Amino acid sequence: MIISEISYHLVLFTNIREYYEPKMKSDLAIIIPDILAEYGCTLERLAVNPDRVYLHLTASPKFPPVEIAEAVATHASIRLKRLYKKLDGFKQVFREDYYFKTGKKPTKGQLDDFLKIAKEGI
């Protein structure tokens, strides 16, 4: 039985539109994969703009998606605020709401594995 990784799309919404700088994109390209690695996730794609940050990632089913999203939002906010003193007035760089969905439909084999685990345990 193989427990495979799941693809997700995560969209984080920023609070800092008027304070956004183009250099933040390259900073987030370093910060976000580092945070995701702590959860065993791999960043496949990243798009950053003043209003939103789009992530396509793969993750193990070990961690709930909500935990991953909150960790990225919280820790990326902390690190960006360290780099940009003008963000000190913000409690969080990212809003508390976000959008998270699975990126791909699971294969039949993955579904069979998940059903087997649900019935029999690991």
Protein backbone atom coordinates (compact mmCIF):
# COMPACT_ATOMS: atom_id res chain seq x y z
CA MET A 1 0.00 0.00 0.00
CA ILE A 2 1.38 3.41 -0.97
CA ILE A 3 0.25 6.62 0.65
CA SER A 4 1.01 9.23 -1.95
CA GLU A 5 1.37 12.95 -1.83
CA ILE A 6 -1.55 15.22 -2.63
CA SER A 7 -1.40 18.26 -4.91
CA TYR A 8 -2.92 21.46 -3.56
CA HIS A 9 -3.59 24.99 -4.72
CA LEU A 10 -3.28 27.57 -1.95
CA VAL A 11 -4.11 31.25 -2.34
CA LEU A 12 -3.08 33.65 0.42
CA PHE A 13 -4.56 37.16 0.45
CA THR A 14 -2.31 40.03 1.53
CA ASN A 15 -3.01 43.03 3.77
CA ILE A 16 -0.12 45.05 2.36
CA ARG A 17 -1.11 46.02 -1.19
CA GLU A 18 -0.01 49.65 -0.83
CA TYR A 19 3.28 48.59 0.79
CA TYR A 20 4.14 45.82 -1.66
CA GLU A 21 7.58 45.99 -3.30
CA PRO A 22 8.68 43.87 -6.29
CA LYS A 23 11.63 42.51 -4.23
CA MET A 24 9.12 40.79 -1.92
CA LYS A 25 8.48 38.32 -4.71
CA SER A 26 12.05 37.01 -4.63
CA ASP A 27 12.05 37.04 -0.82
CA LEU A 28 8.87 34.94 -0.71
CA ALA A 29 10.38 32.58 -3.30
CA ILE A 30 13.03 31.78 -0.67
CA ILE A 31 10.86 31.98 2.47
CA ILE A 32 7.86 29.88 1.39
CA PRO A 33 9.72 26.73 0.22
CA ASP A 34 11.70 26.82 3.47
CA ILE A 35 8.48 26.82 5.53
CA LEU A 36 6.89 24.12 3.38
CA ALA A 37 9.96 21.90 3.80
CA GLU A 38 9.27 21.80 7.55
CA TYR A 39 5.98 20.07 6.68
CA GLY A 40 7.48 17.75 4.09
CA CYS A 41 5.86 19.74 1.27
CA THR A 42 7.30 20.65 -2.09
CA LEU A 43 6.52 23.94 -3.82
CA GLU A 44 5.78 23.27 -7.49
CA ARG A 45 4.84 26.81 -8.56
CA LEU A 46 4.64 30.24 -6.98
CA ALA A 47 3.05 33.45 -8.25
CA VAL A 48 3.21 36.62 -6.19
CA ASN A 49 1.33 39.87 -6.76
CA PRO A 50 0.38 42.75 -4.44
CA ASP A 51 -3.04 41.25 -3.54
CA ARG A 52 -2.42 37.51 -3.53
CA VAL A 53 0.17 34.78 -3.37
CA TYR A 54 -0.61 31.61 -5.35
CA LEU A 55 1.08 28.34 -4.44
CA HIS A 56 0.87 24.96 -6.12
CA LEU A 57 2.35 22.39 -3.77
CA THR A 58 2.49 18.71 -3.01
CA ALA A 59 2.06 17.49 0.55
CA SER A 60 1.91 14.27 2.48
CA PRO A 61 -1.46 13.47 4.06
CA LYS A 62 0.40 13.58 7.41
CA PHE A 63 -0.48 17.26 7.98
CA PRO A 64 -3.92 18.81 7.51
CA PRO A 65 -4.04 21.46 4.75
CA VAL A 66 -5.30 24.04 7.25
CA GLU A 67 -2.17 23.58 9.36
CA ILE A 68 0.06 24.04 6.33
CA ALA A 69 -1.80 27.17 5.16
CA GLU A 70 -1.71 28.76 8.60
CA ALA A 71 1.98 27.96 9.05
CA VAL A 72 2.88 29.51 5.69
CA ALA A 73 0.81 32.64 6.37
CA THR A 74 2.11 33.10 9.92
CA HIS A 75 5.79 32.34 9.37
CA ALA A 76 6.04 34.17 6.04
CA SER A 77 4.47 37.22 7.73
CA ILE A 78 7.01 37.11 10.54
CA ARG A 79 9.95 36.81 8.15
CA LEU A 80 8.72 39.55 5.80
CA LYS A 81 8.20 41.90 8.75
CA ARG A 82 11.82 41.28 9.79
CA LEU A 83 13.00 42.23 6.30
CA TYR A 84 10.70 45.24 5.79
CA LYS A 85 10.41 47.54 8.79
CA LYS A 86 7.56 49.44 7.11
CA LEU A 87 5.39 46.33 7.70
CA ASP A 88 5.81 46.55 11.50
CA GLY A 89 2.40 48.20 11.84
CA PHE A 90 0.68 45.08 10.48
CA LYS A 91 -0.30 42.24 12.79
CA GLN A 92 -0.11 39.87 9.80
CA VAL A 93 1.04 40.37 6.22
CA PHE A 94 -1.58 37.83 5.11
CA ARG A 95 -5.26 37.88 5.95
CA GLU A 96 -6.69 35.09 8.09
CA ASP A 97 -8.79 33.78 5.21
CA TYR A 98 -7.29 31.81 2.35
CA TYR A 99 -8.34 29.47 -0.42
CA PHE A 100 -7.17 25.87 -0.42
CA LYS A 101 -8.21 23.03 -2.72
CA THR A 102 -6.83 19.80 -4.07
CA GLY A 103 -4.97 20.27 -7.30
CA LYS A 104 -5.57 16.94 -8.99
CA LYS A 105 -8.12 14.21 -8.77
CA PRO A 106 -6.71 11.16 -7.00
CA THR A 107 -6.00 8.09 -9.07
CA LYS A 108 -7.96 4.88 -8.59
CA GLY A 109 -4.96 3.37 -6.80
CA GLN A 110 -4.80 6.31 -4.38
CA LEU A 111 -8.52 6.02 -3.66
CA ASP A 112 -8.18 2.28 -3.07
CA ASP A 113 -5.31 2.95 -0.64
CA PHE A 114 -7.28 5.60 1.26
CA LEU A 115 -10.32 3.32 1.52
CA LYS A 116 -8.18 0.45 2.74
CA ILE A 117 -6.58 2.66 5.38
CA ALA A 118 -10.00 3.93 6.47
CA LYS A 119 -11.24 0.36 6.94
CA GLU A 120 -8.15 -1.40 8.28
CA GLY A 121 -5.87 1.34 9.57
CA ILE A 122 -2.23 1.75 8.62
